[in-house]
Amino acid sequence: MANRDDTRWLEPDESSTWLSVWTMTVWLPSRLDAQLRQDAGISLAEYHSLSQISMAPDRTLRMSELAAVTNMTLSHLSRVVSRMEKAGLVRRTPDPADGRYTLAVLTDSGYDRVVAAAPGHVEAVRHYVFDGLDEEQKQALGDSVASIVEALVPSRIGRADPI
């Protein structure tokens, strides 16, 4: 642990930026979750899971990989997937290539749900994130966030464009 005298304290502009980032990380997910629950009847965690599975080959993804890309523990993801299974949106099946793994498979109903939810979700993202920015700010945001994400999750799982 760093000694108080060795701490690299934030400069005033860094502190202000950090508080803005903190506020965004707290409020943005809750606003997006509320929009999805109201408009599509699914949570942000469910939408994110469904969209990740929808982008995977054959709309199938190992639960462990889904947990990694959604940043959920396996037990939390299992609860989310159980809710979606009951709603007929996904099904779980053993991985035929390696029975130690379980696959999450998007059903046609699940695909229809994520496709139907996408326009409202994208509109909310535009409203909360992009509409107040000019092109230069959007580029700077993208560059800055990419650097932060690389520091947080250096082995990101690449996928096709999200829904």
N, C-alpha and C. Protein backbone atom coordinates (compact mmCIF):
# COMPACT_ATOMS: atom_id res chain seq x y z
N MET A 1 0.84 -1.17 0.00
CA MET A 1 0.00 0.00 0.00
C MET A 1 0.89 1.24 0.00
N ALA A 2 0.51 2.23 -0.78
CA ALA A 2 1.32 3.45 -0.89
C ALA A 2 1.22 4.29 0.37
N ASN A 3 2.33 4.86 0.72
CA ASN A 3 2.40 5.79 1.84
C ASN A 3 1.67 7.07 1.44
N ARG A 4 1.00 7.69 2.37
CA ARG A 4 0.25 8.92 2.09
C ARG A 4 1.14 9.97 1.43
N ASP A 5 2.41 10.04 1.86
CA ASP A 5 3.33 11.02 1.29
C ASP A 5 3.70 10.68 -0.15
N ASP A 6 3.56 9.39 -0.53
CA ASP A 6 3.91 8.96 -1.88
C ASP A 6 2.72 9.00 -2.84
N THR A 7 1.55 9.31 -2.33
CA THR A 7 0.34 9.30 -3.14
C THR A 7 0.40 10.37 -4.21
N ARG A 8 0.08 9.97 -5.43
CA ARG A 8 -0.01 10.93 -6.53
C ARG A 8 -1.43 11.46 -6.57
N TRP A 9 -1.70 12.49 -5.79
CA TRP A 9 -3.05 13.05 -5.68
C TRP A 9 -3.50 13.61 -7.01
N LEU A 10 -4.80 13.61 -7.22
CA LEU A 10 -5.36 14.14 -8.46
C LEU A 10 -5.25 15.66 -8.48
N GLU A 11 -4.92 16.18 -9.64
CA GLU A 11 -4.94 17.63 -9.86
C GLU A 11 -6.41 18.05 -9.90
N PRO A 12 -6.71 19.33 -9.69
CA PRO A 12 -8.12 19.76 -9.69
C PRO A 12 -8.88 19.37 -10.96
N ASP A 13 -8.26 19.52 -12.13
CA ASP A 13 -8.96 19.14 -13.36
C ASP A 13 -9.15 17.62 -13.45
N GLU A 14 -8.19 16.84 -12.95
CA GLU A 14 -8.33 15.39 -12.91
C GLU A 14 -9.43 14.98 -11.94
N SER A 15 -9.48 15.64 -10.82
CA SER A 15 -10.52 15.34 -9.83
C SER A 15 -11.91 15.61 -10.40
N SER A 16 -12.05 16.71 -11.09
CA SER A 16 -13.33 17.04 -11.72
C SER A 16 -13.70 16.00 -12.78
N THR A 17 -12.72 15.62 -13.59
CA THR A 17 -12.96 14.59 -14.61
C THR A 17 -13.34 13.27 -13.96
N TRP A 18 -12.61 12.89 -12.90
CA TRP A 18 -12.90 11.64 -12.22
C TRP A 18 -14.31 11.64 -11.66
N LEU A 19 -14.74 12.74 -11.06
CA LEU A 19 -16.10 12.80 -10.51
C LEU A 19 -17.14 12.67 -11.62
N SER A 20 -16.84 13.22 -12.79
CA SER A 20 -17.75 13.07 -13.92
C SER A 20 -17.80 11.61 -14.40
N VAL A 21 -16.63 10.97 -14.48
CA VAL A 21 -16.59 9.56 -14.87
C VAL A 21 -17.35 8.72 -13.85
N TRP A 22 -17.12 8.99 -12.58
CA TRP A 22 -17.81 8.24 -11.51
C TRP A 22 -19.33 8.39 -11.65
N THR A 23 -19.78 9.62 -11.83
CA THR A 23 -21.20 9.87 -11.97
C THR A 23 -21.76 9.13 -13.18
N MET A 24 -21.03 9.16 -14.28
CA MET A 24 -21.48 8.48 -15.49
C MET A 24 -21.57 6.97 -15.26
N THR A 25 -20.57 6.39 -14.60
CA THR A 25 -20.59 4.94 -14.40
C THR A 25 -21.69 4.50 -13.45
N VAL A 26 -22.15 5.40 -12.61
CA VAL A 26 -23.25 5.08 -11.70
C VAL A 26 -24.60 5.31 -12.35
N TRP A 27 -24.77 6.46 -12.99
CA TRP A 27 -26.08 6.84 -13.51
C TRP A 27 -26.42 6.28 -14.88
N LEU A 28 -25.45 6.15 -15.77
CA LEU A 28 -25.76 5.68 -17.12
C LEU A 28 -26.35 4.27 -17.12
N PRO A 29 -25.74 3.31 -16.44
CA PRO A 29 -26.37 1.97 -16.44
C PRO A 29 -27.79 1.96 -15.87
N SER A 30 -28.03 2.74 -14.82
CA SER A 30 -29.38 2.74 -14.24
C SER A 30 -30.39 3.37 -15.19
N ARG A 31 -29.99 4.39 -15.93
CA ARG A 31 -30.90 5.00 -16.90
C ARG A 31 -31.18 4.06 -18.07
N LEU A 32 -30.13 3.38 -18.55
CA LEU A 32 -30.32 2.43 -19.64
C LEU A 32 -31.15 1.23 -19.19
N ASP A 33 -30.94 0.78 -17.96
CA ASP A 33 -31.74 -0.31 -17.41
C ASP A 33 -33.21 0.08 -17.34
N ALA A 34 -33.48 1.28 -16.85
CA ALA A 34 -34.87 1.74 -16.73
C ALA A 34 -35.54 1.81 -18.10
N GLN A 35 -34.82 2.30 -19.11
CA GLN A 35 -35.38 2.38 -20.46
C GLN A 35 -35.72 1.00 -20.99
N LEU A 36 -34.80 0.05 -20.83
CA LEU A 36 -35.04 -1.31 -21.33
C LEU A 36 -36.18 -2.00 -20.59
N ARG A 37 -36.25 -1.82 -19.29
CA ARG A 37 -37.33 -2.43 -18.52
C ARG A 37 -38.69 -1.87 -18.96
N GLN A 38 -38.74 -0.56 -19.15
CA GLN A 38 -40.00 0.08 -19.54
C GLN A 38 -40.40 -0.28 -20.96
N ASP A 39 -39.45 -0.20 -21.90
CA ASP A 39 -39.78 -0.37 -23.31
C ASP A 39 -39.76 -1.81 -23.80
N ALA A 40 -38.91 -2.65 -23.19
CA ALA A 40 -38.74 -4.01 -23.73
C ALA A 40 -39.00 -5.11 -22.70
N GLY A 41 -39.19 -4.73 -21.44
CA GLY A 41 -39.47 -5.73 -20.41
C GLY A 41 -38.27 -6.59 -20.04
N ILE A 42 -37.07 -6.10 -20.31
CA ILE A 42 -35.85 -6.82 -19.93
C ILE A 42 -34.90 -5.85 -19.25
N SER A 43 -34.01 -6.41 -18.44
CA SER A 43 -33.02 -5.58 -17.75
C SER A 43 -31.82 -5.31 -18.66
N LEU A 44 -30.99 -4.39 -18.25
CA LEU A 44 -29.75 -4.10 -18.99
C LEU A 44 -28.86 -5.34 -19.01
N ALA A 45 -28.77 -6.06 -17.91
CA ALA A 45 -27.96 -7.29 -17.87
C ALA A 45 -28.51 -8.33 -18.84
N GLU A 46 -29.82 -8.46 -18.91
CA GLU A 46 -30.43 -9.40 -19.85
C GLU A 46 -30.18 -8.96 -21.29
N TYR A 47 -30.36 -7.68 -21.57
CA TYR A 47 -30.13 -7.17 -22.92
C TYR A 47 -28.68 -7.40 -23.33
N HIS A 48 -27.76 -7.06 -22.44
CA HIS A 48 -26.35 -7.22 -22.76
C HIS A 48 -26.03 -8.69 -23.02
N SER A 49 -26.57 -9.58 -22.21
CA SER A 49 -26.35 -11.02 -22.42
C SER A 49 -26.95 -11.46 -23.75
N LEU A 50 -28.19 -11.09 -24.01
CA LEU A 50 -28.84 -11.47 -25.26
C LEU A 50 -28.07 -10.94 -26.47
N SER A 51 -27.62 -9.69 -26.40
CA SER A 51 -26.92 -9.11 -27.54
C SER A 51 -25.58 -9.80 -27.77
N GLN A 52 -24.88 -10.16 -26.70
CA GLN A 52 -23.61 -10.87 -26.85
C GLN A 52 -23.82 -12.24 -27.49
N ILE A 53 -24.84 -12.95 -27.03
CA ILE A 53 -25.12 -14.27 -27.62
C ILE A 53 -25.54 -14.10 -29.08
N SER A 54 -26.31 -13.05 -29.38
CA SER A 54 -26.79 -12.85 -30.75
C SER A 54 -25.65 -12.61 -31.72
N MET A 55 -24.53 -12.09 -31.24
CA MET A 55 -23.39 -11.80 -32.11
C MET A 55 -22.43 -12.98 -32.25
N ALA A 56 -22.61 -14.00 -31.45
CA ALA A 56 -21.73 -15.17 -31.48
C ALA A 56 -22.12 -16.08 -32.65
N PRO A 57 -21.15 -16.85 -33.15
CA PRO A 57 -21.48 -17.81 -34.21
C PRO A 57 -22.60 -18.75 -33.75
N ASP A 58 -23.56 -18.96 -34.63
CA ASP A 58 -24.71 -19.83 -34.36
C ASP A 58 -25.53 -19.34 -33.16
N ARG A 59 -25.35 -18.08 -32.79
CA ARG A 59 -26.07 -17.50 -31.64
C ARG A 59 -25.92 -18.39 -30.41
N THR A 60 -24.68 -18.86 -30.21
CA THR A 60 -24.35 -19.78 -29.12
C THR A 60 -23.05 -19.33 -28.49
N LEU A 61 -23.01 -19.33 -27.15
CA LEU A 61 -21.83 -18.86 -26.44
C LEU A 61 -21.67 -19.65 -25.15
N ARG A 62 -20.44 -20.02 -24.85
CA ARG A 62 -20.19 -20.69 -23.58
C ARG A 62 -20.55 -19.74 -22.44
N MET A 63 -21.16 -20.28 -21.41
CA MET A 63 -21.53 -19.48 -20.25
C MET A 63 -20.32 -18.78 -19.64
N SER A 64 -19.18 -19.46 -19.58
CA SER A 64 -17.98 -18.85 -19.01
C SER A 64 -17.52 -17.66 -19.84
N GLU A 65 -17.62 -17.76 -21.16
CA GLU A 65 -17.25 -16.64 -22.03
C GLU A 65 -18.26 -15.50 -21.89
N LEU A 66 -19.53 -15.85 -21.79
CA LEU A 66 -20.57 -14.83 -21.60
C LEU A 66 -20.36 -14.11 -20.27
N ALA A 67 -20.01 -14.85 -19.24
CA ALA A 67 -19.73 -14.22 -17.94
C ALA A 67 -18.57 -13.24 -18.05
N ALA A 68 -17.53 -13.62 -18.80
CA ALA A 68 -16.36 -12.74 -18.94
C ALA A 68 -16.71 -11.47 -19.70
N VAL A 69 -17.43 -11.59 -20.81
CA VAL A 69 -17.72 -10.40 -21.62
C VAL A 69 -18.79 -9.51 -20.99
N THR A 70 -19.63 -10.05 -20.15
CA THR A 70 -20.63 -9.24 -19.47
C THR A 70 -20.18 -8.78 -18.09
N ASN A 71 -19.00 -9.25 -17.67
CA ASN A 71 -18.44 -8.92 -16.35
C ASN A 71 -19.38 -9.34 -15.22
N MET A 72 -19.95 -10.55 -15.35
CA MET A 72 -20.79 -11.12 -14.31
C MET A 72 -20.11 -12.37 -13.76
N THR A 73 -20.32 -12.62 -12.49
CA THR A 73 -19.87 -13.90 -11.95
C THR A 73 -20.74 -14.99 -12.57
N LEU A 74 -20.24 -16.22 -12.58
CA LEU A 74 -21.03 -17.31 -13.12
C LEU A 74 -22.35 -17.48 -12.36
N SER A 75 -22.33 -17.27 -11.04
CA SER A 75 -23.57 -17.43 -10.28
C SER A 75 -24.58 -16.33 -10.63
N HIS A 76 -24.12 -15.10 -10.81
CA HIS A 76 -25.02 -14.01 -11.20
C HIS A 76 -25.56 -14.26 -12.61
N LEU A 77 -24.65 -14.63 -13.51
CA LEU A 77 -25.07 -14.92 -14.88
C LEU A 77 -26.08 -16.07 -14.91
N SER A 78 -25.86 -17.07 -14.09
CA SER A 78 -26.78 -18.21 -14.04
C SER A 78 -28.18 -17.76 -13.64
N ARG A 79 -28.28 -16.83 -12.70
CA ARG A 79 -29.59 -16.31 -12.31
C ARG A 79 -30.23 -15.52 -13.46
N VAL A 80 -29.42 -14.71 -14.14
CA VAL A 80 -29.93 -13.92 -15.28
C VAL A 80 -30.40 -14.88 -16.38
N VAL A 81 -29.60 -15.87 -16.71
CA VAL A 81 -29.96 -16.82 -17.76
C VAL A 81 -31.17 -17.65 -17.35
N SER A 82 -31.29 -18.00 -16.08
CA SER A 82 -32.48 -18.74 -15.62
C SER A 82 -33.75 -17.95 -15.89
N ARG A 83 -33.72 -16.64 -15.60
CA ARG A 83 -34.89 -15.79 -15.89
C ARG A 83 -35.18 -15.79 -17.39
N MET A 84 -34.13 -15.69 -18.20
CA MET A 84 -34.33 -15.64 -19.64
C MET A 84 -34.79 -17.00 -20.18
N GLU A 85 -34.34 -18.08 -19.56
CA GLU A 85 -34.81 -19.42 -19.96
C GLU A 85 -36.31 -19.54 -19.70
N LYS A 86 -36.73 -19.11 -18.52
CA LYS A 86 -38.16 -19.18 -18.17
C LYS A 86 -39.01 -18.37 -19.15
N ALA A 87 -38.42 -17.28 -19.68
CA ALA A 87 -39.14 -16.44 -20.64
C ALA A 87 -39.01 -16.98 -22.06
N GLY A 88 -38.26 -18.07 -22.25
CA GLY A 88 -38.11 -18.67 -23.57
C GLY A 88 -37.13 -17.94 -24.47
N LEU A 89 -36.25 -17.13 -23.89
CA LEU A 89 -35.32 -16.33 -24.70
C LEU A 89 -34.01 -17.05 -24.98
N VAL A 90 -33.59 -17.92 -24.08
CA VAL A 90 -32.36 -18.70 -24.26
C VAL A 90 -32.61 -20.11 -23.74
N ARG A 91 -31.71 -20.99 -24.11
CA ARG A 91 -31.71 -22.32 -23.51
C ARG A 91 -30.26 -22.68 -23.24
N ARG A 92 -30.08 -23.52 -22.24
CA ARG A 92 -28.73 -24.00 -21.91
C ARG A 92 -28.60 -25.45 -22.37
N THR A 93 -27.41 -25.76 -22.83
CA THR A 93 -27.13 -27.12 -23.29
C THR A 93 -25.65 -27.41 -23.05
N PRO A 94 -25.32 -28.68 -22.81
CA PRO A 94 -23.90 -29.01 -22.66
C PRO A 94 -23.15 -28.74 -23.97
N ASP A 95 -21.91 -28.33 -23.86
CA ASP A 95 -21.06 -28.08 -25.02
C ASP A 95 -20.66 -29.44 -25.61
N PRO A 96 -21.07 -29.73 -26.86
CA PRO A 96 -20.73 -31.04 -27.43
C PRO A 96 -19.22 -31.22 -27.64
N ALA A 97 -18.49 -30.10 -27.76
CA ALA A 97 -17.04 -30.18 -27.94
C ALA A 97 -16.31 -30.48 -26.64
N ASP A 98 -16.92 -30.08 -25.52
CA ASP A 98 -16.32 -30.29 -24.20
C ASP A 98 -17.42 -30.22 -23.17
N GLY A 99 -17.87 -31.36 -22.69
CA GLY A 99 -19.00 -31.46 -21.78
C GLY A 99 -18.81 -30.75 -20.45
N ARG A 100 -17.60 -30.29 -20.16
CA ARG A 100 -17.39 -29.53 -18.93
C ARG A 100 -18.01 -28.14 -19.00
N TYR A 101 -18.30 -27.70 -20.22
CA TYR A 101 -18.85 -26.36 -20.42
C TYR A 101 -20.34 -26.43 -20.74
N THR A 102 -21.01 -25.32 -20.42
CA THR A 102 -22.43 -25.18 -20.76
C THR A 102 -22.55 -24.05 -21.77
N LEU A 103 -23.38 -24.27 -22.77
CA LEU A 103 -23.62 -23.26 -23.79
C LEU A 103 -24.92 -22.53 -23.53
N ALA A 104 -24.93 -21.25 -23.78
CA ALA A 104 -26.16 -20.45 -23.80
C ALA A 104 -26.52 -20.28 -25.27
N VAL A 105 -27.71 -20.71 -25.63
CA VAL A 105 -28.16 -20.67 -27.02
C VAL A 105 -29.36 -19.72 -27.11
N LEU A 106 -29.26 -18.76 -27.99
CA LEU A 106 -30.35 -17.80 -28.17
C LEU A 106 -31.46 -18.46 -28.97
N THR A 107 -32.67 -18.40 -28.46
CA THR A 107 -33.82 -18.93 -29.19
C THR A 107 -34.27 -17.90 -30.22
N ASP A 108 -35.14 -18.32 -31.12
CA ASP A 108 -35.70 -17.37 -32.08
C ASP A 108 -36.43 -16.25 -31.35
N SER A 109 -37.14 -16.61 -30.29
CA SER A 109 -37.85 -15.62 -29.49
C SER A 109 -36.87 -14.64 -28.83
N GLY A 110 -35.75 -15.16 -28.36
CA GLY A 110 -34.72 -14.30 -27.77
C GLY A 110 -34.12 -13.35 -28.78
N TYR A 111 -33.87 -13.89 -29.98
CA TYR A 111 -33.34 -13.03 -31.04
C TYR A 111 -34.34 -11.94 -31.39
N ASP A 112 -35.61 -12.32 -31.52
CA ASP A 112 -36.65 -11.33 -31.83
C ASP A 112 -36.71 -10.26 -30.73
N ARG A 113 -36.55 -10.67 -29.48
CA ARG A 113 -36.64 -9.73 -28.36
C ARG A 113 -35.48 -8.73 -28.38
N VAL A 114 -34.27 -9.22 -28.61
CA VAL A 114 -33.12 -8.32 -28.62
C VAL A 114 -33.17 -7.40 -29.83
N VAL A 115 -33.62 -7.90 -30.97
CA VAL A 115 -33.76 -7.06 -32.16
C VAL A 115 -34.82 -5.99 -31.93
N ALA A 116 -35.93 -6.36 -31.29
CA ALA A 116 -36.99 -5.38 -31.01
C ALA A 116 -36.55 -4.35 -29.98
N ALA A 117 -35.71 -4.75 -29.03
CA ALA A 117 -35.25 -3.83 -27.98
C ALA A 117 -34.16 -2.89 -28.46
N ALA A 118 -33.43 -3.30 -29.49
CA ALA A 118 -32.26 -2.54 -29.94
C ALA A 118 -32.55 -1.08 -30.32
N PRO A 119 -33.58 -0.78 -31.10
CA PRO A 119 -33.79 0.62 -31.48
C PRO A 119 -33.98 1.56 -30.28
N GLY A 120 -34.77 1.16 -29.31
CA GLY A 120 -34.97 1.99 -28.13
C GLY A 120 -33.70 2.14 -27.31
N HIS A 121 -32.95 1.04 -27.20
CA HIS A 121 -31.69 1.08 -26.47
C HIS A 121 -30.70 2.01 -27.16
N VAL A 122 -30.58 1.88 -28.47
CA VAL A 122 -29.66 2.74 -29.23
C VAL A 122 -30.07 4.20 -29.10
N GLU A 123 -31.36 4.47 -29.15
CA GLU A 123 -31.83 5.85 -28.99
C GLU A 123 -31.46 6.40 -27.61
N ALA A 124 -31.61 5.57 -26.57
CA ALA A 124 -31.23 6.00 -25.22
C ALA A 124 -29.73 6.26 -25.13
N VAL A 125 -28.93 5.39 -25.73
CA VAL A 125 -27.48 5.60 -25.75
C VAL A 125 -27.15 6.89 -26.48
N ARG A 126 -27.77 7.12 -27.62
CA ARG A 126 -27.54 8.38 -28.35
C ARG A 126 -27.90 9.58 -27.46
N HIS A 127 -29.06 9.50 -26.82
CA HIS A 127 -29.53 10.61 -25.99
C HIS A 127 -28.56 10.90 -24.84
N TYR A 128 -28.18 9.86 -24.11
CA TYR A 128 -27.36 10.05 -22.91
C TYR A 128 -25.88 10.24 -23.20
N VAL A 129 -25.38 9.69 -24.30
CA VAL A 129 -23.94 9.71 -24.53
C VAL A 129 -23.54 10.63 -25.68
N PHE A 130 -24.17 10.53 -26.83
CA PHE A 130 -23.64 11.17 -28.02
C PHE A 130 -24.29 12.47 -28.45
N ASP A 131 -25.57 12.66 -28.17
CA ASP A 131 -26.27 13.84 -28.70
C ASP A 131 -25.67 15.17 -28.24
N GLY A 132 -25.07 15.20 -27.07
CA GLY A 132 -24.50 16.45 -26.57
C GLY A 132 -23.06 16.69 -26.99
N LEU A 133 -22.52 15.83 -27.84
CA LEU A 133 -21.13 15.93 -28.24
C LEU A 133 -21.01 16.28 -29.72
N ASP A 134 -19.98 17.07 -30.06
CA ASP A 134 -19.69 17.29 -31.48
C ASP A 134 -18.76 16.16 -31.94
N GLU A 135 -18.43 16.15 -33.23
CA GLU A 135 -17.64 15.05 -33.79
C GLU A 135 -16.27 14.93 -33.13
N GLU A 136 -15.64 16.04 -32.85
CA GLU A 136 -14.32 16.01 -32.20
C GLU A 136 -14.42 15.43 -30.79
N GLN A 137 -15.45 15.80 -30.06
CA GLN A 137 -15.65 15.26 -28.72
C GLN A 137 -15.95 13.76 -28.75
N LYS A 138 -16.75 13.33 -29.75
CA LYS A 138 -17.03 11.90 -29.89
C LYS A 138 -15.74 11.12 -30.12
N GLN A 139 -14.88 11.63 -30.99
CA GLN A 139 -13.61 10.97 -31.27
C GLN A 139 -12.74 10.93 -30.01
N ALA A 140 -12.68 12.04 -29.30
CA ALA A 140 -11.86 12.11 -28.08
C ALA A 140 -12.42 11.15 -27.02
N LEU A 141 -13.74 11.09 -26.90
CA LEU A 141 -14.35 10.17 -25.95
C LEU A 141 -13.99 8.73 -26.31
N GLY A 142 -14.15 8.38 -27.57
CA GLY A 142 -13.83 7.03 -28.01
C GLY A 142 -12.38 6.67 -27.75
N ASP A 143 -11.47 7.57 -28.07
CA ASP A 143 -10.05 7.32 -27.83
C ASP A 143 -9.76 7.18 -26.35
N SER A 144 -10.33 8.06 -25.53
CA SER A 144 -10.08 8.04 -24.09
C SER A 144 -10.64 6.78 -23.45
N VAL A 145 -11.86 6.44 -23.79
CA VAL A 145 -12.49 5.26 -23.20
C VAL A 145 -11.76 3.99 -23.64
N ALA A 146 -11.31 3.93 -24.89
CA ALA A 146 -10.57 2.76 -25.36
C ALA A 146 -9.31 2.55 -24.54
N SER A 147 -8.62 3.62 -24.19
CA SER A 147 -7.42 3.51 -23.37
C SER A 147 -7.75 3.02 -21.97
N ILE A 148 -8.85 3.52 -21.41
CA ILE A 148 -9.26 3.09 -20.07
C ILE A 148 -9.67 1.62 -20.09
N VAL A 149 -10.44 1.23 -21.10
CA VAL A 149 -10.88 -0.16 -21.21
C VAL A 149 -9.68 -1.09 -21.36
N GLU A 150 -8.69 -0.68 -22.13
CA GLU A 150 -7.50 -1.52 -22.31
C GLU A 150 -6.79 -1.73 -20.98
N ALA A 151 -6.76 -0.71 -20.12
CA ALA A 151 -6.14 -0.85 -18.80
C ALA A 151 -6.97 -1.76 -17.89
N LEU A 152 -8.28 -1.72 -18.06
CA LEU A 152 -9.17 -2.53 -17.23
C LEU A 152 -9.28 -3.97 -17.70
N VAL A 153 -9.43 -4.16 -19.00
CA VAL A 153 -9.71 -5.47 -19.57
C VAL A 153 -8.81 -5.66 -20.80
N PRO A 154 -7.54 -5.98 -20.59
CA PRO A 154 -6.62 -6.06 -21.72
C PRO A 154 -6.92 -7.20 -22.69
N SER A 155 -7.65 -8.21 -22.28
CA SER A 155 -7.93 -9.33 -23.18
C SER A 155 -9.40 -9.35 -23.59
N ARG A 156 -9.91 -8.21 -24.01
CA ARG A 156 -11.31 -8.13 -24.43
C ARG A 156 -11.61 -9.14 -25.52
N ILE A 157 -12.81 -9.64 -25.47
CA ILE A 157 -13.26 -10.59 -26.48
C ILE A 157 -13.85 -9.80 -27.64
N GLY A 158 -13.26 -9.91 -28.81
CA GLY A 158 -13.76 -9.18 -29.98
C GLY A 158 -14.99 -9.82 -30.55
N ARG A 159 -15.90 -9.02 -31.05
CA ARG A 159 -17.14 -9.52 -31.63
C ARG A 159 -17.52 -8.63 -32.81
N ALA A 160 -18.52 -9.07 -33.50
CA ALA A 160 -19.13 -8.25 -34.55
C ALA A 160 -19.82 -7.06 -33.91
N ASP A 161 -20.32 -6.17 -34.75
CA ASP A 161 -21.02 -5.01 -34.22
C ASP A 161 -22.18 -5.44 -33.34
N PRO A 162 -22.32 -4.82 -32.15
CA PRO A 162 -23.41 -5.20 -31.25
C PRO A 162 -24.76 -4.73 -31.76
N ILE A 163 -25.76 -5.45 -31.32
CA ILE A 163 -27.15 -5.05 -31.65
C ILE A 163 -27.60 -4.10 -30.57
